[in-house]
Amino acid sequence: MAEIVNLRTARKAKLRVKKEVEASANRLKFGKTKGEKAQTIADKVRAARQLDGAKLERD
């Protein structure tokens, strides 16, 4: 025999889990200090410069 489930409660619980996952992703994305943001930008610039320097020019 199956367990009886209140659909309203299940829907609300599912929504809570979804919001928590989204909040966690936002904390990772936006929850950085100023120094961490600067370091991330510096890493991206360094990687782009290194990639551009490794490209072969063709005439």
PDB file of N, CA and C in Angstrom:
ATOM      1  N   MET A   1       0.839  -1.175   0.000  1.00  0.00           N
ATOM      2  CA  MET A   1       0.000   0.000   0.000  1.00  0.00           C
ATOM      3  C   MET A   1       0.882   1.235   0.000  1.00  0.00           C
ATOM      4  N   ALA A   2       0.530   2.213  -0.787  1.00  0.00           N
ATOM      5  CA  ALA A   2       1.318   3.444  -0.930  1.00  0.00           C
ATOM      6  C   ALA A   2       1.074   4.385   0.241  1.00  0.00           C
ATOM      7  N   GLU A   3       2.061   5.217   0.492  1.00  0.00           N
ATOM      8  CA  GLU A   3       1.946   6.205   1.561  1.00  0.00           C
ATOM      9  C   GLU A   3       1.136   7.393   1.060  1.00  0.00           C
ATOM     10  N   ILE A   4       0.251   7.890   1.888  1.00  0.00           N
ATOM     11  CA  ILE A   4      -0.588   9.031   1.515  1.00  0.00           C
ATOM     12  C   ILE A   4       0.251  10.299   1.645  1.00  0.00           C
ATOM     13  N   VAL A   5       0.220  11.133   0.577  1.00  0.00           N
ATOM     14  CA  VAL A   5       1.037  12.341   0.531  1.00  0.00           C
ATOM     15  C   VAL A   5       0.126  13.540   0.320  1.00  0.00           C
ATOM     16  N   ASN A   6       0.322  14.566   1.141  1.00  0.00           N
ATOM     17  CA  ASN A   6      -0.398  15.816   0.957  1.00  0.00           C
ATOM     18  C   ASN A   6       0.305  16.569  -0.168  1.00  0.00           C
ATOM     19  N   LEU A   7      -0.368  16.744  -1.290  1.00  0.00           N
ATOM     20  CA  LEU A   7       0.261  17.336  -2.465  1.00  0.00           C
ATOM     21  C   LEU A   7       0.676  18.785  -2.228  1.00  0.00           C
ATOM     22  N   ARG A   8      -0.110  19.535  -1.475  1.00  0.00           N
ATOM     23  CA  ARG A   8       0.240  20.925  -1.194  1.00  0.00           C
ATOM     24  C   ARG A   8       1.553  20.993  -0.408  1.00  0.00           C
ATOM     25  N   THR A   9       1.677  20.154   0.600  1.00  0.00           N
ATOM     26  CA  THR A   9       2.888  20.118   1.408  1.00  0.00           C
ATOM     27  C   THR A   9       4.083  19.661   0.575  1.00  0.00           C
ATOM     28  N   ALA A  10       3.887  18.672  -0.277  1.00  0.00           N
ATOM     29  CA  ALA A  10       4.967  18.173  -1.124  1.00  0.00           C
ATOM     30  C   ALA A  10       5.420  19.250  -2.103  1.00  0.00           C
ATOM     31  N   ARG A  11       4.482  19.985  -2.665  1.00  0.00           N
ATOM     32  CA  ARG A  11       4.809  21.051  -3.619  1.00  0.00           C
ATOM     33  C   ARG A  11       5.607  22.157  -2.927  1.00  0.00           C
ATOM     34  N   LYS A  12       5.184  22.524  -1.721  1.00  0.00           N
ATOM     35  CA  LYS A  12       5.892  23.564  -0.969  1.00  0.00           C
ATOM     36  C   LYS A  12       7.298  23.100  -0.588  1.00  0.00           C
ATOM     37  N   ALA A  13       7.442  21.848  -0.207  1.00  0.00           N
ATOM     38  CA  ALA A  13       8.757  21.320   0.149  1.00  0.00           C
ATOM     39  C   ALA A  13       9.678  21.317  -1.069  1.00  0.00           C
ATOM     40  N   LYS A  14       9.139  20.940  -2.209  1.00  0.00           N
ATOM     41  CA  LYS A  14       9.917  20.930  -3.446  1.00  0.00           C
ATOM     42  C   LYS A  14      10.368  22.352  -3.801  1.00  0.00           C
ATOM     43  N   LEU A  15       9.486  23.322  -3.617  1.00  0.00           N
ATOM     44  CA  LEU A  15       9.818  24.716  -3.896  1.00  0.00           C
ATOM     45  C   LEU A  15      10.899  25.220  -2.945  1.00  0.00           C
ATOM     46  N   ARG A  16      10.822  24.813  -1.663  1.00  0.00           N
ATOM     47  CA  ARG A  16      11.847  25.207  -0.687  1.00  0.00           C
ATOM     48  C   ARG A  16      13.214  24.675  -1.079  1.00  0.00           C
ATOM     49  N   VAL A  17      13.259  23.426  -1.512  1.00  0.00           N
ATOM     50  CA  VAL A  17      14.528  22.817  -1.930  1.00  0.00           C
ATOM     51  C   VAL A  17      15.083  23.547  -3.147  1.00  0.00           C
ATOM     52  N   LYS A  18      14.211  23.868  -4.105  1.00  0.00           N
ATOM     53  CA  LYS A  18      14.642  24.574  -5.313  1.00  0.00           C
ATOM     54  C   LYS A  18      15.212  25.947  -4.960  1.00  0.00           C
ATOM     55  N   LYS A  19      14.539  26.661  -4.068  1.00  0.00           N
ATOM     56  CA  LYS A  19      15.012  27.987  -3.666  1.00  0.00           C
ATOM     57  C   LYS A  19      16.338  27.891  -2.917  1.00  0.00           C
ATOM     58  N   GLU A  20      16.509  26.857  -2.109  1.00  0.00           N
ATOM     59  CA  GLU A  20      17.764  26.689  -1.371  1.00  0.00           C
ATOM     60  C   GLU A  20      18.924  26.407  -2.321  1.00  0.00           C
ATOM     61  N   VAL A  21      18.672  25.606  -3.349  1.00  0.00           N
ATOM     62  CA  VAL A  21      19.709  25.321  -4.339  1.00  0.00           C
ATOM     63  C   VAL A  21      20.084  26.608  -5.081  1.00  0.00           C
ATOM     64  N   GLU A  22      19.078  27.385  -5.462  1.00  0.00           N
ATOM     65  CA  GLU A  22      19.338  28.651  -6.153  1.00  0.00           C
ATOM     66  C   GLU A  22      20.089  29.621  -5.247  1.00  0.00           C
ATOM     67  N   ALA A  23      19.719  29.683  -3.980  1.00  0.00           N
ATOM     68  CA  ALA A  23      20.394  30.566  -3.035  1.00  0.00           C
ATOM     69  C   ALA A  23      21.849  30.133  -2.852  1.00  0.00           C
ATOM     70  N   SER A  24      22.083  28.844  -2.804  1.00  0.00           N
ATOM     71  CA  SER A  24      23.445  28.342  -2.663  1.00  0.00           C
ATOM     72  C   SER A  24      24.291  28.726  -3.875  1.00  0.00           C
ATOM     73  N   ALA A  25      23.714  28.598  -5.065  1.00  0.00           N
ATOM     74  CA  ALA A  25      24.432  28.984  -6.283  1.00  0.00           C
ATOM     75  C   ALA A  25      24.723  30.475  -6.281  1.00  0.00           C
ATOM     76  N   ASN A  26      23.772  31.278  -5.829  1.00  0.00           N
ATOM     77  CA  ASN A  26      23.988  32.724  -5.772  1.00  0.00           C
ATOM     78  C   ASN A  26      25.047  33.088  -4.742  1.00  0.00           C
ATOM     79  N   ARG A  27      25.096  32.365  -3.638  1.00  0.00           N
ATOM     80  CA  ARG A  27      26.134  32.632  -2.642  1.00  0.00           C
ATOM     81  C   ARG A  27      27.509  32.368  -3.232  1.00  0.00           C
ATOM     82  N   LEU A  28      27.617  31.313  -4.034  1.00  0.00           N
ATOM     83  CA  LEU A  28      28.897  31.024  -4.677  1.00  0.00           C
ATOM     84  C   LEU A  28      29.236  32.071  -5.733  1.00  0.00           C
ATOM     85  N   LYS A  29      28.229  32.502  -6.463  1.00  0.00           N
ATOM     86  CA  LYS A  29      28.453  33.430  -7.568  1.00  0.00           C
ATOM     87  C   LYS A  29      28.709  34.850  -7.079  1.00  0.00           C
ATOM     88  N   PHE A  30      27.924  35.319  -6.139  1.00  0.00           N
ATOM     89  CA  PHE A  30      27.986  36.712  -5.722  1.00  0.00           C
ATOM     90  C   PHE A  30      28.610  36.909  -4.348  1.00  0.00           C
ATOM     91  N   GLY A  31      28.835  35.854  -3.612  1.00  0.00           N
ATOM     92  CA  GLY A  31      29.299  35.975  -2.244  1.00  0.00           C
ATOM     93  C   GLY A  31      30.808  35.987  -2.112  1.00  0.00           C
ATOM     94  N   LYS A  32      31.486  36.770  -2.928  1.00  0.00           N
ATOM     95  CA  LYS A  32      32.938  36.842  -2.874  1.00  0.00           C
ATOM     96  C   LYS A  32      33.382  38.186  -2.323  1.00  0.00           C
ATOM     97  N   THR A  33      34.527  38.174  -1.672  1.00  0.00           N
ATOM     98  CA  THR A  33      35.077  39.419  -1.173  1.00  0.00           C
ATOM     99  C   THR A  33      35.674  40.208  -2.334  1.00  0.00           C
ATOM    100  N   LYS A  34      35.984  41.461  -2.076  1.00  0.00           N
ATOM    101  CA  LYS A  34      36.553  42.319  -3.112  1.00  0.00           C
ATOM    102  C   LYS A  34      37.892  41.758  -3.605  1.00  0.00           C
ATOM    103  N   GLY A  35      38.694  41.243  -2.692  1.00  0.00           N
ATOM    104  CA  GLY A  35      39.977  40.659  -3.058  1.00  0.00           C
ATOM    105  C   GLY A  35      39.825  39.411  -3.911  1.00  0.00           C
ATOM    106  N   GLU A  36      38.847  38.578  -3.567  1.00  0.00           N
ATOM    107  CA  GLU A  36      38.601  37.373  -4.358  1.00  0.00           C
ATOM    108  C   GLU A  36      38.130  37.724  -5.763  1.00  0.00           C
ATOM    109  N   LYS A  37      37.276  38.745  -5.865  1.00  0.00           N
ATOM    110  CA  LYS A  37      36.813  39.185  -7.185  1.00  0.00           C
ATOM    111  C   LYS A  37      37.974  39.704  -8.019  1.00  0.00           C
ATOM    112  N   ALA A  38      38.846  40.498  -7.402  1.00  0.00           N
ATOM    113  CA  ALA A  38      40.003  41.029  -8.116  1.00  0.00           C
ATOM    114  C   ALA A  38      40.928  39.907  -8.565  1.00  0.00           C
ATOM    115  N   GLN A  39      41.113  38.905  -7.715  1.00  0.00           N
ATOM    116  CA  GLN A  39      41.966  37.777  -8.069  1.00  0.00           C
ATOM    117  C   GLN A  39      41.371  36.984  -9.226  1.00  0.00           C
ATOM    118  N   THR A  40      40.070  36.795  -9.227  1.00  0.00           N
ATOM    119  CA  THR A  40      39.401  36.081 -10.317  1.00  0.00           C
ATOM    120  C   THR A  40      39.584  36.822 -11.633  1.00  0.00           C
ATOM    121  N   ILE A  41      39.403  38.139 -11.608  1.00  0.00           N
ATOM    122  CA  ILE A  41      39.573  38.940 -12.817  1.00  0.00           C
ATOM    123  C   ILE A  41      41.017  38.870 -13.293  1.00  0.00           C
ATOM    124  N   ALA A  42      41.972  38.962 -12.362  1.00  0.00           N
ATOM    125  CA  ALA A  42      43.383  38.890 -12.726  1.00  0.00           C
ATOM    126  C   ALA A  42      43.719  37.531 -13.345  1.00  0.00           C
ATOM    127  N   ASP A  43      43.148  36.461 -12.812  1.00  0.00           N
ATOM    128  CA  ASP A  43      43.376  35.130 -13.370  1.00  0.00           C
ATOM    129  C   ASP A  43      42.836  35.025 -14.785  1.00  0.00           C
ATOM    130  N   LYS A  44      41.649  35.589 -15.016  1.00  0.00           N
ATOM    131  CA  LYS A  44      41.058  35.547 -16.359  1.00  0.00           C
ATOM    132  C   LYS A  44      41.898  36.338 -17.346  1.00  0.00           C
ATOM    133  N   VAL A  45      42.366  37.513 -16.929  1.00  0.00           N
ATOM    134  CA  VAL A  45      43.192  38.351 -17.805  1.00  0.00           C
ATOM    135  C   VAL A  45      44.499  37.635 -18.118  1.00  0.00           C
ATOM    136  N   ARG A  46      45.100  37.026 -17.101  1.00  0.00           N
ATOM    137  CA  ARG A  46      46.355  36.304 -17.291  1.00  0.00           C
ATOM    138  C   ARG A  46      46.163  35.141 -18.259  1.00  0.00           C
ATOM    139  N   ALA A  47      45.077  34.406 -18.114  1.00  0.00           N
ATOM    140  CA  ALA A  47      44.811  33.268 -18.996  1.00  0.00           C
ATOM    141  C   ALA A  47      44.578  33.736 -20.430  1.00  0.00           C
ATOM    142  N   ALA A  48      43.844  34.836 -20.597  1.00  0.00           N
ATOM    143  CA  ALA A  48      43.585  35.362 -21.945  1.00  0.00           C
ATOM    144  C   ALA A  48      44.886  35.841 -22.580  1.00  0.00           C
ATOM    145  N   ARG A  49      45.734  36.513 -21.814  1.00  0.00           N
ATOM    146  CA  ARG A  49      47.009  37.005 -22.336  1.00  0.00           C
ATOM    147  C   ARG A  49      47.892  35.834 -22.748  1.00  0.00           C
ATOM    148  N   GLN A  50      47.908  34.787 -21.939  1.00  0.00           N
ATOM    149  CA  GLN A  50      48.721  33.619 -22.247  1.00  0.00           C
ATOM    150  C   GLN A  50      48.211  32.929 -23.517  1.00  0.00           C
ATOM    151  N   LEU A  51      46.902  32.857 -23.661  1.00  0.00           N
ATOM    152  CA  LEU A  51      46.326  32.230 -24.845  1.00  0.00           C
ATOM    153  C   LEU A  51      46.636  33.046 -26.098  1.00  0.00           C
ATOM    154  N   ASP A  52      46.520  34.364 -25.993  1.00  0.00           N
ATOM    155  CA  ASP A  52      46.831  35.217 -27.137  1.00  0.00           C
ATOM    156  C   ASP A  52      48.304  35.117 -27.501  1.00  0.00           C
ATOM    157  N   GLY A  53      49.160  34.981 -26.540  1.00  0.00           N
ATOM    158  CA  GLY A  53      50.586  34.864 -26.813  1.00  0.00           C
ATOM    159  C   GLY A  53      50.959  33.546 -27.454  1.00  0.00           C
ATOM    160  N   ALA A  54      50.156  32.533 -27.279  1.00  0.00           N
ATOM    161  CA  ALA A  54      50.442  31.215 -27.827  1.00  0.00           C
ATOM    162  C   ALA A  54      49.857  31.030 -29.223  1.00  0.00           C
ATOM    163  N   LYS A  55      49.067  31.984 -29.694  1.00  0.00           N
ATOM    164  CA  LYS A  55      48.447  31.837 -31.009  1.00  0.00           C
ATOM    165  C   LYS A  55      49.498  32.008 -32.112  1.00  0.00           C
ATOM    166  N   LEU A  56      49.328  31.259 -33.170  1.00  0.00           N
ATOM    167  CA  LEU A  56      50.197  31.375 -34.331  1.00  0.00           C
ATOM    168  C   LEU A  56      49.538  32.328 -35.329  1.00  0.00           C
ATOM    169  N   GLU A  57      50.344  33.252 -35.816  1.00  0.00           N
ATOM    170  CA  GLU A  57      49.807  34.179 -36.809  1.00  0.00           C
ATOM    171  C   GLU A  57      50.026  33.583 -38.199  1.00  0.00           C
ATOM    172  N   ARG A  58      48.996  33.640 -38.999  1.00  0.00           N
ATOM    173  CA  ARG A  58      49.076  33.102 -40.361  1.00  0.00           C
ATOM    174  C   ARG A  58      48.843  34.229 -41.342  1.00  0.00           C
ATOM    175  N   ASP A  59      49.665  34.242 -42.346  1.00  0.00           N
ATOM    176  CA  ASP A  59      49.532  35.296 -43.367  1.00  0.00           C
ATOM    177  C   ASP A  59      48.698  34.878 -44.523  1.00  0.00           C
TER     178      ASP A  59
END
